[in-house]
Amino acid sequence: MRVISYSSYALVAAGVVTGALGLVRTGSLLIAVGTGLFAISQRGQRKIELYLPLAISISLFVLALALPRGR
């Protein structure tokens, strides 16, 4: 569980850095995957604490796919 938690933090940090460097779609996808992994790693929590972050990460993932290309 600890490895999943650390890898999700690394994915979110990489997403923020990637987004700041100009690759917004890739950064959003990395943040969404990192948030989803973190939510899944917290399975022992109450249902709302599991499903709300999962719903947010899924919606961010779909939004990132729907973003137009900036070129």
N, C-alpha and C. Protein backbone atom coordinates (compact mmCIF):
# COMPACT_ATOMS: atom_id res chain seq x y z
N MET A 1 0.82 -1.20 0.00
CA MET A 1 0.00 0.00 0.00
C MET A 1 0.86 1.26 0.00
N ARG A 2 1.98 1.18 0.69
CA ARG A 2 2.83 2.36 0.78
C ARG A 2 3.46 2.70 -0.57
N VAL A 3 3.78 1.67 -1.35
CA VAL A 3 4.37 1.90 -2.67
C VAL A 3 3.35 2.57 -3.59
N ILE A 4 2.10 2.14 -3.52
CA ILE A 4 1.06 2.74 -4.34
C ILE A 4 0.85 4.20 -3.95
N SER A 5 0.89 4.47 -2.65
CA SER A 5 0.70 5.83 -2.18
C SER A 5 1.83 6.74 -2.66
N TYR A 6 3.08 6.27 -2.54
CA TYR A 6 4.21 7.08 -3.00
C TYR A 6 4.21 7.26 -4.51
N SER A 7 3.82 6.21 -5.24
CA SER A 7 3.78 6.36 -6.69
C SER A 7 2.67 7.31 -7.13
N SER A 8 1.56 7.33 -6.39
CA SER A 8 0.50 8.27 -6.74
C SER A 8 0.94 9.71 -6.47
N TYR A 9 1.67 9.92 -5.37
CA TYR A 9 2.22 11.26 -5.12
C TYR A 9 3.19 11.67 -6.22
N ALA A 10 4.00 10.73 -6.68
CA ALA A 10 4.96 11.03 -7.74
C ALA A 10 4.25 11.36 -9.05
N LEU A 11 3.17 10.63 -9.35
CA LEU A 11 2.41 10.91 -10.57
C LEU A 11 1.76 12.28 -10.52
N VAL A 12 1.21 12.64 -9.37
CA VAL A 12 0.57 13.96 -9.24
C VAL A 12 1.62 15.06 -9.37
N ALA A 13 2.77 14.87 -8.73
CA ALA A 13 3.84 15.88 -8.83
C ALA A 13 4.35 15.99 -10.27
N ALA A 14 4.51 14.86 -10.94
CA ALA A 14 4.93 14.89 -12.34
C ALA A 14 3.88 15.56 -13.21
N GLY A 15 2.61 15.36 -12.90
CA GLY A 15 1.54 16.00 -13.65
C GLY A 15 1.54 17.50 -13.48
N VAL A 16 1.79 17.96 -12.27
CA VAL A 16 1.85 19.40 -12.03
C VAL A 16 3.02 20.03 -12.77
N VAL A 17 4.17 19.37 -12.72
CA VAL A 17 5.35 19.90 -13.42
C VAL A 17 5.14 19.87 -14.93
N THR A 18 4.59 18.77 -15.43
CA THR A 18 4.33 18.66 -16.86
C THR A 18 3.34 19.71 -17.33
N GLY A 19 2.29 19.93 -16.55
CA GLY A 19 1.30 20.96 -16.90
C GLY A 19 1.89 22.35 -16.87
N ALA A 20 2.78 22.60 -15.91
CA ALA A 20 3.41 23.92 -15.82
C ALA A 20 4.36 24.16 -16.98
N LEU A 21 4.91 23.09 -17.53
CA LEU A 21 5.82 23.24 -18.67
C LEU A 21 5.10 23.40 -20.00
N GLY A 22 3.78 23.29 -19.98
CA GLY A 22 3.02 23.55 -21.19
C GLY A 22 2.27 22.36 -21.76
N LEU A 23 2.50 21.19 -21.27
CA LEU A 23 1.80 20.00 -21.75
C LEU A 23 0.61 19.74 -20.84
N VAL A 24 -0.44 20.53 -21.02
CA VAL A 24 -1.57 20.54 -20.10
C VAL A 24 -2.34 19.23 -20.15
N ARG A 25 -2.55 18.68 -21.32
CA ARG A 25 -3.32 17.44 -21.44
C ARG A 25 -2.58 16.29 -20.74
N THR A 26 -1.30 16.17 -20.98
CA THR A 26 -0.52 15.11 -20.34
C THR A 26 -0.47 15.31 -18.84
N GLY A 27 -0.32 16.56 -18.40
CA GLY A 27 -0.31 16.84 -16.96
C GLY A 27 -1.63 16.49 -16.31
N SER A 28 -2.74 16.78 -16.98
CA SER A 28 -4.05 16.44 -16.43
C SER A 28 -4.25 14.94 -16.35
N LEU A 29 -3.78 14.23 -17.35
CA LEU A 29 -3.89 12.77 -17.32
C LEU A 29 -3.07 12.17 -16.18
N LEU A 30 -1.86 12.69 -15.98
CA LEU A 30 -1.03 12.19 -14.88
C LEU A 30 -1.65 12.49 -13.52
N ILE A 31 -2.21 13.67 -13.36
CA ILE A 31 -2.86 14.02 -12.10
C ILE A 31 -4.08 13.14 -11.87
N ALA A 32 -4.85 12.88 -12.92
CA ALA A 32 -6.03 12.02 -12.78
C ALA A 32 -5.66 10.60 -12.40
N VAL A 33 -4.63 10.05 -13.02
CA VAL A 33 -4.20 8.69 -12.69
C VAL A 33 -3.64 8.64 -11.27
N GLY A 34 -2.86 9.64 -10.88
CA GLY A 34 -2.31 9.67 -9.52
C GLY A 34 -3.40 9.79 -8.47
N THR A 35 -4.39 10.61 -8.72
CA THR A 35 -5.50 10.77 -7.78
C THR A 35 -6.31 9.48 -7.68
N GLY A 36 -6.53 8.83 -8.82
CA GLY A 36 -7.26 7.56 -8.81
C GLY A 36 -6.52 6.48 -8.05
N LEU A 37 -5.20 6.39 -8.26
CA LEU A 37 -4.41 5.41 -7.52
C LEU A 37 -4.44 5.69 -6.02
N PHE A 38 -4.36 6.95 -5.65
CA PHE A 38 -4.39 7.28 -4.23
C PHE A 38 -5.74 6.93 -3.62
N ALA A 39 -6.81 7.19 -4.34
CA ALA A 39 -8.14 6.86 -3.83
C ALA A 39 -8.32 5.35 -3.69
N ILE A 40 -7.79 4.60 -4.64
CA ILE A 40 -7.90 3.14 -4.57
C ILE A 40 -7.06 2.59 -3.42
N SER A 41 -5.92 3.21 -3.14
CA SER A 41 -5.07 2.73 -2.05
C SER A 41 -5.69 2.98 -0.68
N GLN A 42 -6.68 3.85 -0.59
CA GLN A 42 -7.34 4.17 0.68
C GLN A 42 -8.64 3.40 0.82
N ARG A 43 -8.66 2.13 0.48
CA ARG A 43 -9.89 1.34 0.48
C ARG A 43 -10.51 1.18 1.85
N GLY A 44 -9.76 1.30 2.92
CA GLY A 44 -10.30 1.09 4.26
C GLY A 44 -11.14 2.25 4.77
N GLN A 45 -11.21 3.32 4.05
CA GLN A 45 -11.95 4.50 4.46
C GLN A 45 -13.44 4.31 4.21
N ARG A 46 -14.22 5.30 4.61
CA ARG A 46 -15.66 5.26 4.35
C ARG A 46 -15.92 5.37 2.85
N LYS A 47 -17.14 5.05 2.46
CA LYS A 47 -17.46 5.00 1.03
C LYS A 47 -17.31 6.36 0.35
N ILE A 48 -17.76 7.43 0.99
CA ILE A 48 -17.70 8.75 0.35
C ILE A 48 -16.25 9.18 0.17
N GLU A 49 -15.38 8.77 1.10
CA GLU A 49 -13.97 9.13 1.00
C GLU A 49 -13.26 8.33 -0.08
N LEU A 50 -13.87 7.27 -0.54
CA LEU A 50 -13.31 6.50 -1.64
C LEU A 50 -13.91 6.94 -2.97
N TYR A 51 -15.23 7.08 -3.02
CA TYR A 51 -15.89 7.32 -4.30
C TYR A 51 -15.79 8.76 -4.78
N LEU A 52 -15.75 9.73 -3.89
CA LEU A 52 -15.65 11.12 -4.33
C LEU A 52 -14.32 11.41 -5.03
N PRO A 53 -13.16 11.03 -4.47
CA PRO A 53 -11.92 11.25 -5.23
C PRO A 53 -11.86 10.44 -6.52
N LEU A 54 -12.45 9.24 -6.52
CA LEU A 54 -12.48 8.47 -7.76
C LEU A 54 -13.33 9.16 -8.82
N ALA A 55 -14.46 9.71 -8.41
CA ALA A 55 -15.32 10.42 -9.36
C ALA A 55 -14.62 11.67 -9.90
N ILE A 56 -13.92 12.37 -9.03
CA ILE A 56 -13.20 13.57 -9.46
C ILE A 56 -12.08 13.19 -10.43
N SER A 57 -11.35 12.12 -10.14
CA SER A 57 -10.25 11.74 -11.02
C SER A 57 -10.77 11.23 -12.37
N ILE A 58 -11.89 10.52 -12.38
CA ILE A 58 -12.47 10.06 -13.64
C ILE A 58 -12.95 11.25 -14.47
N SER A 59 -13.59 12.22 -13.81
CA SER A 59 -14.05 13.39 -14.56
C SER A 59 -12.88 14.22 -15.08
N LEU A 60 -11.79 14.31 -14.32
CA LEU A 60 -10.60 15.02 -14.80
C LEU A 60 -9.98 14.28 -15.98
N PHE A 61 -9.98 12.95 -15.93
CA PHE A 61 -9.45 12.15 -17.03
C PHE A 61 -10.25 12.38 -18.31
N VAL A 62 -11.58 12.37 -18.18
CA VAL A 62 -12.45 12.59 -19.35
C VAL A 62 -12.28 14.01 -19.87
N LEU A 63 -12.17 14.97 -18.97
CA LEU A 63 -11.97 16.35 -19.39
C LEU A 63 -10.65 16.53 -20.11
N ALA A 64 -9.61 15.86 -19.64
CA ALA A 64 -8.30 15.96 -20.29
C ALA A 64 -8.34 15.37 -21.69
N LEU A 65 -9.10 14.30 -21.85
CA LEU A 65 -9.22 13.73 -23.20
C LEU A 65 -10.03 14.62 -24.13
N ALA A 66 -10.95 15.41 -23.56
CA ALA A 66 -11.80 16.27 -24.37
C ALA A 66 -11.15 17.60 -24.71
N LEU A 67 -10.02 17.91 -24.08
CA LEU A 67 -9.34 19.18 -24.36
C LEU A 67 -8.86 19.21 -25.81
N PRO A 68 -9.03 20.35 -26.47
CA PRO A 68 -8.52 20.43 -27.85
C PRO A 68 -7.00 20.54 -27.85
N ARG A 69 -6.42 20.12 -28.93
CA ARG A 69 -4.96 20.26 -29.05
C ARG A 69 -4.63 21.72 -29.26
N GLY A 70 -3.59 22.19 -28.59
CA GLY A 70 -3.25 23.61 -28.63
C GLY A 70 -2.37 24.01 -29.77
N ARG A 71 -2.29 23.23 -30.81
CA ARG A 71 -1.38 23.56 -31.91
C ARG A 71 -2.08 24.04 -33.12
